[in-house]
PDB file of N, CA and C in Angstrom:
ATOM      1  N   UNK A   1      25.536-151.937  61.850  1.00  0.00           N
ATOM      2  CA  UNK A   1      26.584-151.367  62.207  1.00  0.00           C
ATOM      3  C   UNK A   1      26.676-150.082  61.506  1.00  0.00           C
ATOM      4  N   UNK A   2      27.385-149.305  62.163  1.00  0.00           N
ATOM      5  CA  UNK A   2      27.245-147.994  62.429  1.00  0.00           C
ATOM      6  C   UNK A   2      28.808-147.554  61.093  1.00  0.00           C
ATOM      7  N   UNK A   3      28.337-146.761  60.383  1.00  0.00           N
ATOM      8  CA  UNK A   3      29.919-146.381  59.317  1.00  0.00           C
ATOM      9  C   UNK A   3      30.686-145.417  59.699  1.00  0.00           C
ATOM     10  N   UNK A   4      31.953-145.551  59.639  1.00  0.00           N
ATOM     11  CA  UNK A   4      32.803-144.759  60.022  1.00  0.00           C
ATOM     12  C   UNK A   4      33.022-143.527  58.788  1.00  0.00           C
ATOM     13  N   UNK A   5      33.171-142.404  59.087  1.00  0.00           N
ATOM     14  CA  UNK A   5      33.517-140.964  57.966  1.00  0.00           C
ATOM     15  C   UNK A   5      34.955-140.836  57.911  1.00  0.00           C
ATOM     16  N   UNK A   6      35.239-142.289  57.405  1.00  0.00           N
ATOM     17  CA  UNK A   6      36.745-142.158  56.433  1.00  0.00           C
ATOM     18  C   UNK A   6      37.082-141.958  54.998  1.00  0.00           C
ATOM     19  N   UNK A   7      38.200-141.755  55.248  1.00  0.00           N
ATOM     20  CA  UNK A   7      38.157-141.943  53.456  1.00  0.00           C
ATOM     21  C   UNK A   7      38.176-143.498  52.550  1.00  0.00           C
ATOM     22  N   UNK A   8      39.130-144.164  53.844  1.00  0.00           N
ATOM     23  CA  UNK A   8      38.384-145.708  53.549  1.00  0.00           C
ATOM     24  C   UNK A   8      37.108-146.355  53.241  1.00  0.00           C
ATOM     25  N   UNK A   9      36.355-145.623  53.746  1.00  0.00           N
ATOM     26  CA  UNK A   9      34.642-145.821  54.048  1.00  0.00           C
ATOM     27  C   UNK A   9      33.943-145.573  52.445  1.00  0.00           C
ATOM     28  N   UNK A  10      34.299-144.088  52.788  1.00  0.00           N
ATOM     29  CA  UNK A  10      34.022-143.301  51.169  1.00  0.00           C
ATOM     30  C   UNK A  10      34.402-144.454  49.832  1.00  0.00           C
ATOM     31  N   UNK A  11      35.642-144.767  50.028  1.00  0.00           N
ATOM     32  CA  UNK A  11      36.965-145.620  48.891  1.00  0.00           C
ATOM     33  C   UNK A  11      35.494-146.864  48.987  1.00  0.00           C
ATOM     34  N   UNK A  12      35.378-147.511  49.786  1.00  0.00           N
ATOM     35  CA  UNK A  12      34.972-148.601  49.485  1.00  0.00           C
ATOM     36  C   UNK A  12      33.014-148.260  49.185  1.00  0.00           C
ATOM     37  N   UNK A  13      32.885-147.239  49.072  1.00  0.00           N
ATOM     38  CA  UNK A  13      31.380-147.191  48.795  1.00  0.00           C
ATOM     39  C   UNK A  13      31.244-146.697  47.330  1.00  0.00           C
ATOM     40  N   UNK A  14      32.270-145.803  47.158  1.00  0.00           N
ATOM     41  CA  UNK A  14      32.631-145.407  45.638  1.00  0.00           C
ATOM     42  C   UNK A  14      32.842-146.752  44.978  1.00  0.00           C
ATOM     43  N   UNK A  15      33.395-147.644  45.343  1.00  0.00           N
ATOM     44  CA  UNK A  15      33.477-149.167  44.535  1.00  0.00           C
ATOM     45  C   UNK A  15      32.333-149.835  44.114  1.00  0.00           C
ATOM     46  N   UNK A  16      31.552-149.902  45.273  1.00  0.00           N
ATOM     47  CA  UNK A  16      30.578-150.609  45.197  1.00  0.00           C
ATOM     48  C   UNK A  16      29.349-149.759  43.697  1.00  0.00           C
ATOM     49  N   UNK A  17      29.370-148.434  44.451  1.00  0.00           N
ATOM     50  CA  UNK A  17      28.602-147.679  43.042  1.00  0.00           C
ATOM     51  C   UNK A  17      29.277-148.076  41.648  1.00  0.00           C
ATOM     52  N   UNK A  18      30.106-148.382  41.484  1.00  0.00           N
ATOM     53  CA  UNK A  18      30.915-148.392  40.296  1.00  0.00           C
ATOM     54  C   UNK A  18      30.872-149.947  39.870  1.00  0.00           C
ATOM     55  N   UNK A  19      31.056-150.607  40.796  1.00  0.00           N
ATOM     56  CA  UNK A  19      30.617-152.185  40.688  1.00  0.00           C
ATOM     57  C   UNK A  19      28.998-152.511  39.968  1.00  0.00           C
ATOM     58  N   UNK A  20      28.592-151.699  40.629  1.00  0.00           N
ATOM     59  CA  UNK A  20      26.811-151.949  40.350  1.00  0.00           C
ATOM     60  C   UNK A  20      26.521-151.731  38.810  1.00  0.00           C
ATOM     61  N   UNK A  21      27.725-151.045  38.358  1.00  0.00           N
ATOM     62  CA  UNK A  21      27.376-150.331  36.844  1.00  0.00           C
ATOM     63  C   UNK A  21      27.229-149.197  36.582  1.00  0.00           C
ATOM     64  N   UNK A  22      27.187-148.100  37.918  1.00  0.00           N
ATOM     65  CA  UNK A  22      27.007-146.780  37.547  1.00  0.00           C
ATOM     66  C   UNK A  22      28.196-145.661  37.421  1.00  0.00           C
ATOM     67  N   UNK A  23      28.427-144.734  36.729  1.00  0.00           N
ATOM     68  CA  UNK A  23      29.489-144.199  36.721  1.00  0.00           C
ATOM     69  C   UNK A  23      29.336-142.989  37.899  1.00  0.00           C
ATOM     70  N   UNK A  24      30.340-142.925  38.975  1.00  0.00           N
ATOM     71  CA  UNK A  24      29.828-141.697  39.814  1.00  0.00           C
ATOM     72  C   UNK A  24      30.619-140.541  39.410  1.00  0.00           C
ATOM     73  N   UNK A  25      29.765-139.298  39.820  1.00  0.00           N
ATOM     74  CA  UNK A  25      30.887-137.902  39.369  1.00  0.00           C
ATOM     75  C   UNK A  25      30.584-137.212  40.703  1.00  0.00           C
ATOM     76  N   UNK A  26      31.660-136.330  40.848  1.00  0.00           N
ATOM     77  CA  UNK A  26      31.457-135.166  41.777  1.00  0.00           C
ATOM     78  C   UNK A  26      31.010-133.532  41.192  1.00  0.00           C
ATOM     79  N   UNK A  27      30.060-133.261  41.106  1.00  0.00           N
ATOM     80  CA  UNK A  27      29.620-131.802  40.472  1.00  0.00           C
ATOM     81  C   UNK A  27      29.282-130.993  41.188  1.00  0.00           C
ATOM     82  N   UNK A  28      28.998-129.727  40.512  1.00  0.00           N
ATOM     83  CA  UNK A  28      28.327-128.680  41.493  1.00  0.00           C
ATOM     84  C   UNK A  28      26.853-128.754  41.100  1.00  0.00           C
ATOM     85  N   UNK A  29      26.207-128.734  41.826  1.00  0.00           N
ATOM     86  CA  UNK A  29      24.523-128.622  41.596  1.00  0.00           C
ATOM     87  C   UNK A  29      23.994-128.166  42.888  1.00  0.00           C
ATOM     88  N   UNK A  30      22.800-128.015  42.830  1.00  0.00           N
ATOM     89  CA  UNK A  30      21.820-127.653  43.727  1.00  0.00           C
ATOM     90  C   UNK A  30      21.033-129.195  44.307  1.00  0.00           C
ATOM     91  N   UNK A  31      20.742-130.061  44.220  1.00  0.00           N
ATOM     92  CA  UNK A  31      20.302-131.381  44.059  1.00  0.00           C
ATOM     93  C   UNK A  31      20.085-131.350  45.955  1.00  0.00           C
ATOM     94  N   UNK A  32      18.461-131.508  46.016  1.00  0.00           N
ATOM     95  CA  UNK A  32      18.009-131.299  47.214  1.00  0.00           C
ATOM     96  C   UNK A  32      18.411-132.288  48.145  1.00  0.00           C
ATOM     97  N   UNK A  33      18.780-133.699  47.747  1.00  0.00           N
ATOM     98  CA  UNK A  33      19.087-134.631  48.662  1.00  0.00           C
ATOM     99  C   UNK A  33      20.720-134.510  48.407  1.00  0.00           C
ATOM    100  N   UNK A  34      21.302-133.964  48.044  1.00  0.00           N
ATOM    101  CA  UNK A  34      23.054-133.670  47.625  1.00  0.00           C
ATOM    102  C   UNK A  34      23.498-134.548  46.709  1.00  0.00           C
ATOM    103  N   UNK A  35      22.545-135.369  45.975  1.00  0.00           N
ATOM    104  CA  UNK A  35      22.957-135.992  44.793  1.00  0.00           C
ATOM    105  C   UNK A  35      21.567-136.172  43.869  1.00  0.00           C
ATOM    106  N   UNK A  36      21.860-136.635  42.303  1.00  0.00           N
ATOM    107  CA  UNK A  36      20.993-137.210  41.453  1.00  0.00           C
ATOM    108  C   UNK A  36      21.412-138.400  40.686  1.00  0.00           C
ATOM    109  N   UNK A  37      20.368-139.225  40.471  1.00  0.00           N
ATOM    110  CA  UNK A  37      20.690-140.003  39.650  1.00  0.00           C
ATOM    111  C   UNK A  37      19.911-140.185  38.343  1.00  0.00           C
ATOM    112  N   UNK A  38      20.751-140.518  37.430  1.00  0.00           N
ATOM    113  CA  UNK A  38      20.320-140.739  36.046  1.00  0.00           C
ATOM    114  C   UNK A  38      20.170-142.160  35.726  1.00  0.00           C
ATOM    115  N   UNK A  39      18.987-142.414  36.456  1.00  0.00           N
ATOM    116  CA  UNK A  39      18.945-144.179  35.921  1.00  0.00           C
ATOM    117  C   UNK A  39      19.202-144.551  34.523  1.00  0.00           C
ATOM    118  N   UNK A  40      19.041-143.884  33.343  1.00  0.00           N
ATOM    119  CA  UNK A  40      19.048-144.087  31.901  1.00  0.00           C
ATOM    120  C   UNK A  40      20.427-144.396  31.549  1.00  0.00           C
ATOM    121  N   UNK A  41      20.737-143.537  31.816  1.00  0.00           N
ATOM    122  CA  UNK A  41      22.589-143.104  32.044  1.00  0.00           C
ATOM    123  C   UNK A  41      23.180-144.078  33.056  1.00  0.00           C
ATOM    124  N   UNK A  42      22.775-144.419  33.883  1.00  0.00           N
ATOM    125  CA  UNK A  42      23.285-145.197  35.146  1.00  0.00           C
ATOM    126  C   UNK A  42      24.758-144.318  35.612  1.00  0.00           C
ATOM    127  N   UNK A  43      24.384-143.117  35.692  1.00  0.00           N
ATOM    128  CA  UNK A  43      25.439-141.821  36.151  1.00  0.00           C
ATOM    129  C   UNK A  43      24.683-141.479  37.781  1.00  0.00           C
ATOM    130  N   UNK A  44      25.193-141.402  38.877  1.00  0.00           N
ATOM    131  CA  UNK A  44      25.306-140.455  39.953  1.00  0.00           C
ATOM    132  C   UNK A  44      26.054-139.694  40.227  1.00  0.00           C
ATOM    133  N   UNK A  45      25.557-138.373  40.432  1.00  0.00           N
ATOM    134  CA  UNK A  45      26.418-137.336  40.363  1.00  0.00           C
ATOM    135  C   UNK A  45      25.828-136.692  42.173  1.00  0.00           C
ATOM    136  N   UNK A  46      27.257-136.668  42.722  1.00  0.00           N
ATOM    137  CA  UNK A  46      27.273-136.090  43.943  1.00  0.00           C
ATOM    138  C   UNK A  46      27.614-134.278  44.245  1.00  0.00           C
ATOM    139  N   UNK A  47      27.000-133.899  44.623  1.00  0.00           N
ATOM    140  CA  UNK A  47      27.640-132.472  45.055  1.00  0.00           C
ATOM    141  C   UNK A  47      28.669-132.442  45.436  1.00  0.00           C
ATOM    142  N   UNK A  48      29.931-131.920  45.093  1.00  0.00           N
ATOM    143  CA  UNK A  48      31.473-132.076  45.281  1.00  0.00           C
ATOM    144  C   UNK A  48      31.838-131.171  46.148  1.00  0.00           C
ATOM    145  N   UNK A  49      30.952-130.213  46.711  1.00  0.00           N
ATOM    146  CA  UNK A  49      31.286-129.105  47.513  1.00  0.00           C
ATOM    147  C   UNK A  49      30.903-129.714  48.614  1.00  0.00           C
ATOM    148  N   UNK A  50      30.473-131.063  48.853  1.00  0.00           N
ATOM    149  CA  UNK A  50      30.010-131.786  50.318  1.00  0.00           C
ATOM    150  C   UNK A  50      31.547-132.328  50.930  1.00  0.00           C
ATOM    151  N   UNK A  51      31.357-132.449  52.434  1.00  0.00           N
ATOM    152  CA  UNK A  51      32.360-132.840  53.358  1.00  0.00           C
ATOM    153  C   UNK A  51      32.242-134.395  52.872  1.00  0.00           C
ATOM    154  N   UNK A  52      33.201-134.775  53.500  1.00  0.00           N
ATOM    155  CA  UNK A  52      33.679-136.261  53.706  1.00  0.00           C
ATOM    156  C   UNK A  52      32.089-137.074  54.296  1.00  0.00           C
ATOM    157  N   UNK A  53      31.438-136.470  55.789  1.00  0.00           N
ATOM    158  CA  UNK A  53      30.580-137.168  56.079  1.00  0.00           C
ATOM    159  C   UNK A  53      29.522-137.061  55.099  1.00  0.00           C
ATOM    160  N   UNK A  54      28.931-135.889  54.686  1.00  0.00           N
ATOM    161  CA  UNK A  54      27.812-135.476  53.823  1.00  0.00           C
ATOM    162  C   UNK A  54      28.346-136.377  52.614  1.00  0.00           C
ATOM    163  N   UNK A  55      29.271-136.875  51.831  1.00  0.00           N
ATOM    164  CA  UNK A  55      29.740-137.631  50.977  1.00  0.00           C
ATOM    165  C   UNK A  55      28.973-139.037  51.107  1.00  0.00           C
ATOM    166  N   UNK A  56      29.554-139.588  52.008  1.00  0.00           N
ATOM    167  CA  UNK A  56      29.103-140.880  52.726  1.00  0.00           C
ATOM    168  C   UNK A  56      27.308-141.283  52.853  1.00  0.00           C
ATOM    169  N   UNK A  57      27.073-140.085  53.642  1.00  0.00           N
ATOM    170  CA  UNK A  57      25.651-140.141  53.500  1.00  0.00           C
ATOM    171  C   UNK A  57      24.704-140.204  52.461  1.00  0.00           C
ATOM    172  N   UNK A  58      25.210-139.447  51.663  1.00  0.00           N
ATOM    173  CA  UNK A  58      24.538-139.540  50.398  1.00  0.00           C
ATOM    174  C   UNK A  58      24.839-140.388  49.538  1.00  0.00           C
ATOM    175  N   UNK A  59      25.600-141.304  49.730  1.00  0.00           N
ATOM    176  CA  UNK A  59      26.068-142.837  49.358  1.00  0.00           C
ATOM    177  C   UNK A  59      25.374-143.707  49.642  1.00  0.00           C
ATOM    178  N   UNK A  60      25.609-143.743  51.177  1.00  0.00           N
ATOM    179  CA  UNK A  60      24.077-144.338  52.065  1.00  0.00           C
ATOM    180  C   UNK A  60      23.011-144.340  51.743  1.00  0.00           C
ATOM    181  N   UNK A  61      22.647-143.400  51.211  1.00  0.00           N
ATOM    182  CA  UNK A  61      20.920-143.002  51.168  1.00  0.00           C
ATOM    183  C   UNK A  61      20.903-143.469  49.737  1.00  0.00           C
ATOM    184  N   UNK A  62      21.439-143.312  48.770  1.00  0.00           N
ATOM    185  CA  UNK A  62      21.327-143.662  47.131  1.00  0.00           C
ATOM    186  C   UNK A  62      21.975-145.107  46.490  1.00  0.00           C
ATOM    187  N   UNK A  63      22.122-145.615  47.496  1.00  0.00           N
ATOM    188  CA  UNK A  63      22.936-147.086  47.197  1.00  0.00           C
ATOM    189  C   UNK A  63      21.622-148.078  46.900  1.00  0.00           C
ATOM    190  N   UNK A  64      20.548-147.917  48.258  1.00  0.00           N
ATOM    191  CA  UNK A  64      19.604-148.924  47.879  1.00  0.00           C
ATOM    192  C   UNK A  64      18.634-148.977  46.715  1.00  0.00           C
ATOM    193  N   UNK A  65      18.538-147.638  45.881  1.00  0.00           N
ATOM    194  CA  UNK A  65      17.839-147.545  45.141  1.00  0.00           C
ATOM    195  C   UNK A  65      18.334-147.169  44.055  1.00  0.00           C
ATOM    196  N   UNK A  66      19.708-147.760  43.941  1.00  0.00           N
ATOM    197  CA  UNK A  66      20.018-147.994  42.638  1.00  0.00           C
ATOM    198  C   UNK A  66      19.491-149.451  41.986  1.00  0.00           C
ATOM    199  N   UNK A  67      19.560-149.386  40.698  1.00  0.00           N
ATOM    200  CA  UNK A  67      19.262-150.991  40.126  1.00  0.00           C
ATOM    201  C   UNK A  67      20.285-151.766  40.163  1.00  0.00           C
ATOM    202  N   UNK A  68      20.001-153.120  40.633  1.00  0.00           N
ATOM    203  CA  UNK A  68      20.722-153.863  41.172  1.00  0.00           C
ATOM    204  C   UNK A  68      20.581-155.274  40.126  1.00  0.00           C
ATOM    205  N   UNK A  69      19.826-155.137  38.851  1.00  0.00           N
ATOM    206  CA  UNK A  69      19.330-156.459  38.347  1.00  0.00           C
ATOM    207  C   UNK A  69      20.451-157.539  38.216  1.00  0.00           C
ATOM    208  N   UNK A  70      21.236-156.614  37.144  1.00  0.00           N
ATOM    209  CA  UNK A  70      22.356-157.179  36.694  1.00  0.00           C
ATOM    210  C   UNK A  70      23.825-157.009  37.775  1.00  0.00           C
ATOM    211  N   UNK A  71      23.891-157.054  39.220  1.00  0.00           N
ATOM    212  CA  UNK A  71      25.042-156.701  40.001  1.00  0.00           C
ATOM    213  C   UNK A  71      24.835-158.334  40.510  1.00  0.00           C
ATOM    214  N   UNK A  72      26.288-158.416  40.266  1.00  0.00           N
ATOM    215  CA  UNK A  72      26.907-159.875  41.011  1.00  0.00           C
ATOM    216  C   UNK A  72      28.122-159.449  41.616  1.00  0.00           C
ATOM    217  N   UNK A  73      27.577-159.426  43.072  1.00  0.00           N
ATOM    218  CA  UNK A  73      28.592-158.761  44.246  1.00  0.00           C
ATOM    219  C   UNK A  73      29.204-160.111  44.394  1.00  0.00           C
ATOM    220  N   UNK A  74      30.627-159.573  44.922  1.00  0.00           N
ATOM    221  CA  UNK A  74      31.256-160.712  45.748  1.00  0.00           C
ATOM    222  C   UNK A  74      30.841-160.690  47.469  1.00  0.00           C
ATOM    223  N   UNK A  75      31.534-161.656  48.131  1.00  0.00           N
ATOM    224  CA  UNK A  75      31.209-161.763  49.689  1.00  0.00           C
ATOM    225  C   UNK A  75      31.136-160.276  50.289  1.00  0.00           C
ATOM    226  N   UNK A  76      32.452-159.622  50.340  1.00  0.00           N
ATOM    227  CA  UNK A  76      32.298-158.572  51.255  1.00  0.00           C
ATOM    228  C   UNK A  76      31.676-157.401  50.326  1.00  0.00           C
ATOM    229  N   UNK A  77      31.022-157.311  49.403  1.00  0.00           N
ATOM    230  CA  UNK A  77      29.975-156.117  48.284  1.00  0.00           C
ATOM    231  C   UNK A  77      28.724-156.694  48.991  1.00  0.00           C
ATOM    232  N   UNK A  78      28.326-158.278  49.308  1.00  0.00           N
ATOM    233  CA  UNK A  78      27.232-158.230  49.474  1.00  0.00           C
ATOM    234  C   UNK A  78      26.946-158.156  50.945  1.00  0.00           C
ATOM    235  N   UNK A  79      27.942-157.753  52.013  1.00  0.00           N
ATOM    236  CA  UNK A  79      27.867-157.722  53.212  1.00  0.00           C
ATOM    237  C   UNK A  79      27.602-156.485  53.442  1.00  0.00           C
ATOM    238  N   UNK A  80      28.044-155.509  52.789  1.00  0.00           N
ATOM    239  CA  UNK A  80      28.389-154.298  52.657  1.00  0.00           C
ATOM    240  C   UNK A  80      27.253-153.652  52.137  1.00  0.00           C
ATOM    241  N   UNK A  81      26.451-154.260  50.934  1.00  0.00           N
ATOM    242  CA  UNK A  81      25.312-154.008  50.787  1.00  0.00           C
ATOM    243  C   UNK A  81      23.889-154.356  51.529  1.00  0.00           C
ATOM    244  N   UNK A  82      24.160-155.718  52.543  1.00  0.00           N
ATOM    245  CA  UNK A  82      23.016-155.989  53.210  1.00  0.00           C
ATOM    246  C   UNK A  82      22.914-154.629  54.436  1.00  0.00           C
ATOM    247  N   UNK A  83      24.384-154.426  54.886  1.00  0.00           N
ATOM    248  CA  UNK A  83      24.421-153.426  56.073  1.00  0.00           C
ATOM    249  C   UNK A  83      23.997-151.894  55.461  1.00  0.00           C
ATOM    250  N   UNK A  84      24.084-151.778  54.209  1.00  0.00           N
ATOM    251  CA  UNK A  84      23.639-150.221  53.782  1.00  0.00           C
ATOM    252  C   UNK A  84      21.892-150.540  53.871  1.00  0.00           C
ATOM    253  N   UNK A  85      21.491-151.295  53.439  1.00  0.00           N
ATOM    254  CA  UNK A  85      20.137-151.795  53.402  1.00  0.00           C
ATOM    255  C   UNK A  85      19.206-151.555  54.518  1.00  0.00           C
ATOM    256  N   UNK A  86      20.229-152.409  55.616  1.00  0.00           N
ATOM    257  CA  UNK A  86      19.506-152.293  57.125  1.00  0.00           C
ATOM    258  C   UNK A  86      19.785-151.411  57.831  1.00  0.00           C
ATOM    259  N   UNK A  87      20.679-150.449  57.111  1.00  0.00           N
ATOM    260  CA  UNK A  87      20.618-148.593  58.133  1.00  0.00           C
ATOM    261  C   UNK A  87      19.501-147.747  57.641  1.00  0.00           C
ATOM    262  N   UNK A  88      19.185-148.227  55.944  1.00  0.00           N
ATOM    263  CA  UNK A  88      18.048-147.104  55.651  1.00  0.00           C
ATOM    264  C   UNK A  88      16.901-147.699  56.387  1.00  0.00           C
ATOM    265  N   UNK A  89      16.200-148.876  56.622  1.00  0.00           N
ATOM    266  CA  UNK A  89      14.979-149.590  56.590  1.00  0.00           C
ATOM    267  C   UNK A  89      15.121-149.337  58.107  1.00  0.00           C
TER     268      UNK A  89
END
C-alpha cells in the first residue's frame, strides 16, 4: 500500500507511535535521518522544520525500529503496522 501524504495519514502514524508507548515531539535538530529515538526514555524526536511528506516518511522509517514488546494493537493498528513493516522491507 502506498501511503498518501495527508494530515490524516500523519495523525494515524502519530497515534500509532503514542499507542506504542512513545512520546512524540517535534523539535529543532540536525538529526541525520530527520529523527532521533531515545529508547530508554521512549521519546521520538522529529525535525519540526520538515514538511508533511518528510514527517510521514520519517515516521514510516522509524516505526519498525520501535520497541513493540508491550504493545497490544487493535485490529486497525495491526493492519497499519504490517503495512509499514512490509513497506520498509
